[in-house]
């Protein structure tokens, strides 16, 4: 991992995940159509948000989240 320029394995995993999950913010707007009714728009927005949450969940390392929470708790 370090030979490839990453600080460690976790850094490599995040970089790879970011390459795989390339959904620009425009993705929501590109899917929308002037012919979409409100139910279709709601469904598209929810699916995009669910996808974003799923992608984020897959990237999270529980140990890193716990470390961040501890740092926030101990901060002034």
Protein backbone atom coordinates (compact mmCIF):
# COMPACT_ATOMS: atom_id res chain seq x y z
CA UNK A 1 0.00 0.00 0.00
CA UNK A 2 2.77 2.40 0.93
CA UNK A 3 4.66 1.65 -2.29
CA UNK A 4 1.56 2.80 -4.17
CA UNK A 5 1.61 6.11 -2.30
CA UNK A 6 -1.05 5.38 0.33
CA UNK A 7 -0.53 5.85 4.05
CA UNK A 8 -1.78 2.33 4.71
CA UNK A 9 -4.32 -0.33 3.86
CA UNK A 10 -7.30 1.73 5.07
CA UNK A 11 -6.25 4.64 2.84
CA UNK A 12 -6.04 2.26 -0.13
CA UNK A 13 -9.50 0.82 0.62
CA UNK A 14 -11.03 4.28 0.74
CA UNK A 15 -9.35 5.30 -2.51
CA UNK A 16 -10.61 2.17 -4.25
CA UNK A 17 -14.13 2.67 -2.92
CA UNK A 18 -14.13 6.26 -4.13
CA UNK A 19 -13.14 5.08 -7.60
CA UNK A 20 -15.97 2.55 -7.66
CA UNK A 21 -18.61 4.89 -6.22
CA UNK A 22 -18.51 7.83 -8.58
CA UNK A 23 -22.02 9.28 -8.50
CA UNK A 24 -21.83 13.00 -9.11
CA UNK A 25 -24.35 15.31 -7.50
CA UNK A 26 -25.74 15.91 -10.99
CA UNK A 27 -26.94 12.29 -10.96
CA UNK A 28 -30.19 13.33 -9.26
CA UNK A 29 -30.87 16.04 -11.80
CA UNK A 30 -29.95 13.88 -14.78
CA UNK A 31 -32.50 11.26 -13.78
CA UNK A 32 -35.28 13.79 -13.43
CA UNK A 33 -37.59 14.36 -16.34
CA UNK A 34 -40.11 17.16 -16.89
CA UNK A 35 -42.70 14.40 -17.35
CA UNK A 36 -42.05 12.89 -13.90
CA UNK A 37 -44.95 13.18 -11.50
CA UNK A 38 -44.36 13.93 -7.81
CA UNK A 39 -44.42 10.24 -6.83
CA UNK A 40 -41.69 9.41 -9.36
CA UNK A 41 -39.59 12.37 -8.20
CA UNK A 42 -39.93 11.30 -4.56
CA UNK A 43 -38.93 7.73 -5.44
CA UNK A 44 -35.86 8.90 -7.39
CA UNK A 45 -34.72 11.21 -4.61
CA UNK A 46 -35.17 8.49 -1.97
CA UNK A 47 -33.31 5.90 -4.05
CA UNK A 48 -30.40 8.29 -4.57
CA UNK A 49 -30.24 9.06 -0.84
CA UNK A 50 -30.45 5.38 0.09
CA UNK A 51 -27.65 4.62 -2.35
CA UNK A 52 -25.51 7.36 -0.82
CA UNK A 53 -26.12 6.06 2.70
CA UNK A 54 -25.34 2.48 1.63
CA UNK A 55 -22.11 3.56 -0.03
CA UNK A 56 -21.11 5.54 3.07
CA UNK A 57 -21.94 2.59 5.36
CA UNK A 58 -19.65 0.35 3.31
CA UNK A 59 -16.78 2.82 3.66
CA UNK A 60 -17.07 3.31 7.41
CA UNK A 61 -14.62 1.52 9.66
CA UNK A 62 -16.15 1.08 13.13
CA UNK A 63 -12.75 1.57 14.78
CA UNK A 64 -12.30 4.90 12.97
CA UNK A 65 -15.80 6.04 13.92
CA UNK A 66 -15.16 5.15 17.56
CA UNK A 67 -11.82 6.98 17.48
CA UNK A 68 -13.48 10.07 15.98
CA UNK A 69 -16.24 9.98 18.61
CA UNK A 70 -13.65 9.73 21.38
CA UNK A 71 -11.70 12.66 19.92
CA UNK A 72 -14.86 14.79 19.73
CA UNK A 73 -15.83 13.82 23.28
CA UNK A 74 -12.41 14.75 24.66
CA UNK A 75 -12.10 18.00 22.68
CA UNK A 76 -12.42 21.38 24.35
